[in-house]
Amino acid sequence: MTVSAQTSFGFSRGGLQTSSTPLTNEEVDAITALATAVRYVAPQYNSNGTVVYSGKLHLRRSTAQVYGDVRNWEIERGRFVSAEDNANLATVVVLGQTVVEDLFGTTLNPIGQIVRINRQNYEVVGVLKSKGQTGFKIGTEIIFMPIRTAQLKLGGAGNQDVSQISTYK
């Protein structure tokens, strides 16, 4: 089951208008308490960011999520973001294959390297395996970091927005 932020559409003198009502950490906690038949409850916070390593720029959509194993993400190198990383507001990231290739090429090991996202330093702790089939790479332009870190560093102080909440058996 996935719960997403509500988006409303309407028209005004300026044309089509949209507005979103984000989910909150309190709603994540409420779903966690009520969803006793599921194994994982995974809040997600999405943000765009400018990612730089040693002067190389990778400008893509970035995603922050607490737990990777809920969506069967596999790690090729290093580790995934942990619950401890989230609790400690750690500035760590796990990169998808396209981000790694754009920033580090094919020879440099990104584990332990520092990337800058929106002018803030983050240590690379893991690299995702591609989820590609038949020539298509799925999820390779993704960046994971602890959701609380993303809410604070990418969303601003006091940000408690959650883009979506997924549950998995």
C-alpha atoms as a PDB file:
ATOM      1  CA  MET A   1       0.000   0.000   0.000  1.00  0.00           C
ATOM      2  CA  THR A   2       1.231   3.488  -0.817  1.00  0.00           C
ATOM      3  CA  VAL A   3      -0.186   6.742   0.553  1.00  0.00           C
ATOM      4  CA  SER A   4       0.784   9.886  -1.358  1.00  0.00           C
ATOM      5  CA  ALA A   5       0.492  13.578  -0.633  1.00  0.00           C
ATOM      6  CA  GLN A   6      -2.789  15.070  -1.811  1.00  0.00           C
ATOM      7  CA  THR A   7      -2.652  17.288  -4.903  1.00  0.00           C
ATOM      8  CA  SER A   8      -5.542  19.592  -5.767  1.00  0.00           C
ATOM      9  CA  PHE A   9      -6.225  21.178  -9.142  1.00  0.00           C
ATOM     10  CA  GLY A  10      -8.255  24.276  -9.893  1.00  0.00           C
ATOM     11  CA  PHE A  11      -8.549  27.197 -12.259  1.00  0.00           C
ATOM     12  CA  SER A  12      -8.037  30.874 -11.561  1.00  0.00           C
ATOM     13  CA  ARG A  13      -7.499  33.974 -13.651  1.00  0.00           C
ATOM     14  CA  GLY A  14      -3.891  32.848 -14.171  1.00  0.00           C
ATOM     15  CA  GLY A  15      -4.902  29.397 -15.489  1.00  0.00           C
ATOM     16  CA  LEU A  16      -4.516  25.973 -13.977  1.00  0.00           C
ATOM     17  CA  GLN A  17      -3.374  26.048 -10.347  1.00  0.00           C
ATOM     18  CA  THR A  18      -2.150  23.122  -8.271  1.00  0.00           C
ATOM     19  CA  SER A  19      -1.519  22.794  -4.570  1.00  0.00           C
ATOM     20  CA  SER A  20      -0.281  19.924  -2.451  1.00  0.00           C
ATOM     21  CA  THR A  21      -1.012  18.931   1.105  1.00  0.00           C
ATOM     22  CA  PRO A  22       2.073  17.002   2.253  1.00  0.00           C
ATOM     23  CA  LEU A  23       2.031  14.086   4.614  1.00  0.00           C
ATOM     24  CA  THR A  24       3.767  14.465   7.981  1.00  0.00           C
ATOM     25  CA  ASN A  25       5.988  12.428  10.287  1.00  0.00           C
ATOM     26  CA  GLU A  26       3.001  12.160  12.658  1.00  0.00           C
ATOM     27  CA  GLU A  27       1.023  10.424   9.904  1.00  0.00           C
ATOM     28  CA  VAL A  28       3.956   8.051   9.365  1.00  0.00           C
ATOM     29  CA  ASP A  29       3.858   7.224  13.086  1.00  0.00           C
ATOM     30  CA  ALA A  30       0.076   6.707  12.986  1.00  0.00           C
ATOM     31  CA  ILE A  31       0.279   4.348   9.996  1.00  0.00           C
ATOM     32  CA  THR A  32       3.140   2.471  11.671  1.00  0.00           C
ATOM     33  CA  ALA A  33       1.048   1.993  14.808  1.00  0.00           C
ATOM     34  CA  LEU A  34      -2.022   0.829  12.875  1.00  0.00           C
ATOM     35  CA  ALA A  35      -0.319  -1.311  10.214  1.00  0.00           C
ATOM     36  CA  THR A  36       0.422  -4.347  12.351  1.00  0.00           C
ATOM     37  CA  ALA A  37       0.217  -6.795   9.425  1.00  0.00           C
ATOM     38  CA  VAL A  38       3.063  -5.195   7.461  1.00  0.00           C
ATOM     39  CA  ARG A  39       6.789  -5.613   7.900  1.00  0.00           C
ATOM     40  CA  TYR A  40       7.961  -2.151   6.851  1.00  0.00           C
ATOM     41  CA  VAL A  41       6.560   1.352   6.771  1.00  0.00           C
ATOM     42  CA  ALA A  42       8.771   3.551   4.606  1.00  0.00           C
ATOM     43  CA  PRO A  43       8.306   7.314   4.500  1.00  0.00           C
ATOM     44  CA  GLN A  44       9.808   9.071   1.500  1.00  0.00           C
ATOM     45  CA  TYR A  45      10.822  12.675   0.968  1.00  0.00           C
ATOM     46  CA  ASN A  46      11.601  13.853  -2.564  1.00  0.00           C
ATOM     47  CA  SER A  47      13.673  16.856  -3.466  1.00  0.00           C
ATOM     48  CA  ASN A  48      15.651  18.213  -6.386  1.00  0.00           C
ATOM     49  CA  GLY A  49      19.303  18.937  -5.823  1.00  0.00           C
ATOM     50  CA  THR A  50      22.552  19.931  -7.435  1.00  0.00           C
ATOM     51  CA  VAL A  51      25.136  17.219  -6.815  1.00  0.00           C
ATOM     52  CA  VAL A  52      28.833  17.978  -7.275  1.00  0.00           C
ATOM     53  CA  TYR A  53      32.046  15.981  -6.860  1.00  0.00           C
ATOM     54  CA  SER A  54      35.423  17.533  -7.627  1.00  0.00           C
ATOM     55  CA  GLY A  55      33.900  20.078  -9.977  1.00  0.00           C
ATOM     56  CA  LYS A  56      31.751  17.531 -11.857  1.00  0.00           C
ATOM     57  CA  LEU A  57      28.058  18.367 -11.778  1.00  0.00           C
ATOM     58  CA  HIS A  58      25.154  15.947 -11.723  1.00  0.00           C
ATOM     59  CA  LEU A  59      21.791  17.739 -11.722  1.00  0.00           C
ATOM     60  CA  ARG A  60      18.977  15.281 -11.343  1.00  0.00           C
ATOM     61  CA  ARG A  61      16.010  14.570  -9.150  1.00  0.00           C
ATOM     62  CA  SER A  62      17.186  13.277  -5.788  1.00  0.00           C
ATOM     63  CA  THR A  63      15.214  11.040  -3.486  1.00  0.00           C
ATOM     64  CA  ALA A  64      15.671  10.494   0.203  1.00  0.00           C
ATOM     65  CA  GLN A  65      14.254   7.446   1.899  1.00  0.00           C
ATOM     66  CA  VAL A  66      14.937   5.832   5.239  1.00  0.00           C
ATOM     67  CA  TYR A  67      15.093   2.114   4.411  1.00  0.00           C
ATOM     68  CA  GLY A  68      16.147   0.626   1.106  1.00  0.00           C
ATOM     69  CA  ASP A  69      15.296  -3.006   1.689  1.00  0.00           C
ATOM     70  CA  VAL A  70      11.578  -2.229   1.669  1.00  0.00           C
ATOM     71  CA  ARG A  71      11.721  -1.747  -2.075  1.00  0.00           C
ATOM     72  CA  ASN A  72      14.219  -4.541  -2.639  1.00  0.00           C
ATOM     73  CA  TRP A  73      17.072  -2.191  -3.427  1.00  0.00           C
ATOM     74  CA  GLU A  74      20.304  -4.104  -3.569  1.00  0.00           C
ATOM     75  CA  ILE A  75      23.679  -2.667  -2.675  1.00  0.00           C
ATOM     76  CA  GLU A  76      26.558  -3.251  -5.068  1.00  0.00           C
ATOM     77  CA  ARG A  77      29.197  -1.682  -2.799  1.00  0.00           C
ATOM     78  CA  GLY A  78      29.204  -0.321   0.740  1.00  0.00           C
ATOM     79  CA  ARG A  79      25.991  -0.224   2.772  1.00  0.00           C
ATOM     80  CA  PHE A  80      22.547   1.328   2.847  1.00  0.00           C
ATOM     81  CA  VAL A  81      21.281   4.178   5.006  1.00  0.00           C
ATOM     82  CA  SER A  82      20.523   2.850   8.490  1.00  0.00           C
ATOM     83  CA  ALA A  83      18.002   3.690  11.191  1.00  0.00           C
ATOM     84  CA  GLU A  84      20.948   5.013  13.236  1.00  0.00           C
ATOM     85  CA  ASP A  85      21.909   7.346  10.366  1.00  0.00           C
ATOM     86  CA  ASN A  86      18.357   8.664  10.398  1.00  0.00           C
ATOM     87  CA  ALA A  87      18.244   9.094  14.178  1.00  0.00           C
ATOM     88  CA  ASN A  88      21.621  10.898  14.182  1.00  0.00           C
ATOM     89  CA  LEU A  89      20.847  13.147  11.175  1.00  0.00           C
ATOM     90  CA  ALA A  90      23.909  11.664   9.463  1.00  0.00           C
ATOM     91  CA  THR A  91      25.108  13.344   6.289  1.00  0.00           C
ATOM     92  CA  VAL A  92      25.542  10.136   4.295  1.00  0.00           C
ATOM     93  CA  VAL A  93      24.249   9.101   0.869  1.00  0.00           C
ATOM     94  CA  VAL A  94      23.789   6.025  -1.274  1.00  0.00           C
ATOM     95  CA  LEU A  95      24.096   6.692  -4.997  1.00  0.00           C
ATOM     96  CA  GLY A  96      22.505   5.078  -8.036  1.00  0.00           C
ATOM     97  CA  GLN A  97      24.671   3.882 -10.914  1.00  0.00           C
ATOM     98  CA  THR A  98      24.065   6.857 -13.243  1.00  0.00           C
ATOM     99  CA  VAL A  99      25.035   9.334 -10.513  1.00  0.00           C
ATOM    100  CA  VAL A 100      28.212   7.325  -9.803  1.00  0.00           C
ATOM    101  CA  GLU A 101      29.169   7.197 -13.486  1.00  0.00           C
ATOM    102  CA  ASP A 102      28.492  10.930 -13.976  1.00  0.00           C
ATOM    103  CA  LEU A 103      30.533  11.983 -10.951  1.00  0.00           C
ATOM    104  CA  PHE A 104      33.233   9.331 -10.541  1.00  0.00           C
ATOM    105  CA  GLY A 105      33.522   7.642 -13.920  1.00  0.00           C
ATOM    106  CA  THR A 106      34.054   3.912 -14.040  1.00  0.00           C
ATOM    107  CA  THR A 107      37.401   3.611 -12.244  1.00  0.00           C
ATOM    108  CA  LEU A 108      37.173   5.638  -9.018  1.00  0.00           C
ATOM    109  CA  ASN A 109      35.565   3.949  -5.996  1.00  0.00           C
ATOM    110  CA  PRO A 110      33.013   6.442  -4.599  1.00  0.00           C
ATOM    111  CA  ILE A 111      32.779   4.818  -1.142  1.00  0.00           C
ATOM    112  CA  GLY A 112      34.135   7.252   1.440  1.00  0.00           C
ATOM    113  CA  GLN A 113      34.237  10.156  -1.025  1.00  0.00           C
ATOM    114  CA  ILE A 114      32.480  13.441  -0.244  1.00  0.00           C
ATOM    115  CA  VAL A 115      29.850  14.845  -2.609  1.00  0.00           C
ATOM    116  CA  ARG A 116      28.180  18.215  -2.261  1.00  0.00           C
ATOM    117  CA  ILE A 117      24.415  18.421  -2.543  1.00  0.00           C
ATOM    118  CA  ASN A 118      23.087  21.969  -2.576  1.00  0.00           C
ATOM    119  CA  ARG A 119      26.465  23.140  -1.213  1.00  0.00           C
ATOM    120  CA  GLN A 120      26.455  20.707   1.743  1.00  0.00           C
ATOM    121  CA  ASN A 121      28.894  17.811   2.226  1.00  0.00           C
ATOM    122  CA  TYR A 122      27.712  14.184   2.308  1.00  0.00           C
ATOM    123  CA  GLU A 123      29.811  11.020   2.589  1.00  0.00           C
ATOM    124  CA  VAL A 124      29.099   8.281   0.057  1.00  0.00           C
ATOM    125  CA  VAL A 125      28.490   5.065   2.035  1.00  0.00           C
ATOM    126  CA  GLY A 126      26.921   2.906  -0.662  1.00  0.00           C
ATOM    127  CA  VAL A 127      26.238   2.318  -4.344  1.00  0.00           C
ATOM    128  CA  LEU A 128      23.031   0.686  -5.598  1.00  0.00           C
ATOM    129  CA  LYS A 129      22.921  -2.172  -8.066  1.00  0.00           C
ATOM    130  CA  SER A 130      21.028  -1.320 -11.228  1.00  0.00           C
ATOM    131  CA  LYS A 131      17.481  -2.607 -11.399  1.00  0.00           C
ATOM    132  CA  GLY A 132      17.693  -2.633 -15.181  1.00  0.00           C
ATOM    133  CA  GLN A 133      16.128  -5.051 -17.614  1.00  0.00           C
ATOM    134  CA  THR A 134      16.473  -5.284 -21.385  1.00  0.00           C
ATOM    135  CA  GLY A 135      18.726  -2.261 -21.697  1.00  0.00           C
ATOM    136  CA  PHE A 136      16.748   0.042 -19.402  1.00  0.00           C
ATOM    137  CA  LYS A 137      18.234   1.159 -16.101  1.00  0.00           C
ATOM    138  CA  ILE A 138      15.643   1.742 -13.409  1.00  0.00           C
ATOM    139  CA  GLY A 139      16.487   3.804 -10.339  1.00  0.00           C
ATOM    140  CA  THR A 140      20.002   4.628 -11.477  1.00  0.00           C
ATOM    141  CA  GLU A 141      19.650   8.409 -11.083  1.00  0.00           C
ATOM    142  CA  ILE A 142      18.569   8.110  -7.486  1.00  0.00           C
ATOM    143  CA  ILE A 143      20.235   9.351  -4.309  1.00  0.00           C
ATOM    144  CA  PHE A 144      19.205   8.066  -0.899  1.00  0.00           C
ATOM    145  CA  MET A 145      19.951   9.783   2.410  1.00  0.00           C
ATOM    146  CA  PRO A 146      18.340   9.603   5.849  1.00  0.00           C
ATOM    147  CA  ILE A 147      14.872  11.118   5.588  1.00  0.00           C
ATOM    148  CA  ARG A 148      15.314  13.354   8.643  1.00  0.00           C
ATOM    149  CA  THR A 149      18.558  14.690   7.160  1.00  0.00           C
ATOM    150  CA  ALA A 150      16.778  15.376   3.868  1.00  0.00           C
ATOM    151  CA  GLN A 151      13.870  17.101   5.585  1.00  0.00           C
ATOM    152  CA  LEU A 152      16.215  19.373   7.518  1.00  0.00           C
ATOM    153  CA  LYS A 153      19.021  19.988   5.015  1.00  0.00           C
ATOM    154  CA  LEU A 154      17.082  19.961   1.741  1.00  0.00           C
ATOM    155  CA  GLY A 155      13.677  21.053   2.983  1.00  0.00           C
ATOM    156  CA  GLY A 156      14.648  23.607   5.617  1.00  0.00           C
ATOM    157  CA  ALA A 157      14.534  23.808   9.404  1.00  0.00           C
ATOM    158  CA  GLY A 158      11.333  22.438  10.852  1.00  0.00           C
ATOM    159  CA  ASN A 159      10.335  20.652   7.640  1.00  0.00           C
ATOM    160  CA  GLN A 160       8.302  17.561   8.474  1.00  0.00           C
ATOM    161  CA  ASP A 161       6.915  16.950   4.975  1.00  0.00           C
ATOM    162  CA  VAL A 162       6.695  13.393   3.667  1.00  0.00           C
ATOM    163  CA  SER A 163       6.062  12.842  -0.052  1.00  0.00           C
ATOM    164  CA  GLN A 164       4.669   9.351   0.296  1.00  0.00           C
ATOM    165  CA  ILE A 165       4.369   6.476   2.749  1.00  0.00           C
ATOM    166  CA  SER A 166       4.699   2.902   1.515  1.00  0.00           C
ATOM    167  CA  THR A 167       4.039  -0.286   3.448  1.00  0.00           C
ATOM    168  CA  TYR A 168       5.456  -3.693   2.587  1.00  0.00           C
ATOM    169  CA  LYS A 169       4.721  -7.191   3.872  1.00  0.00           C
END
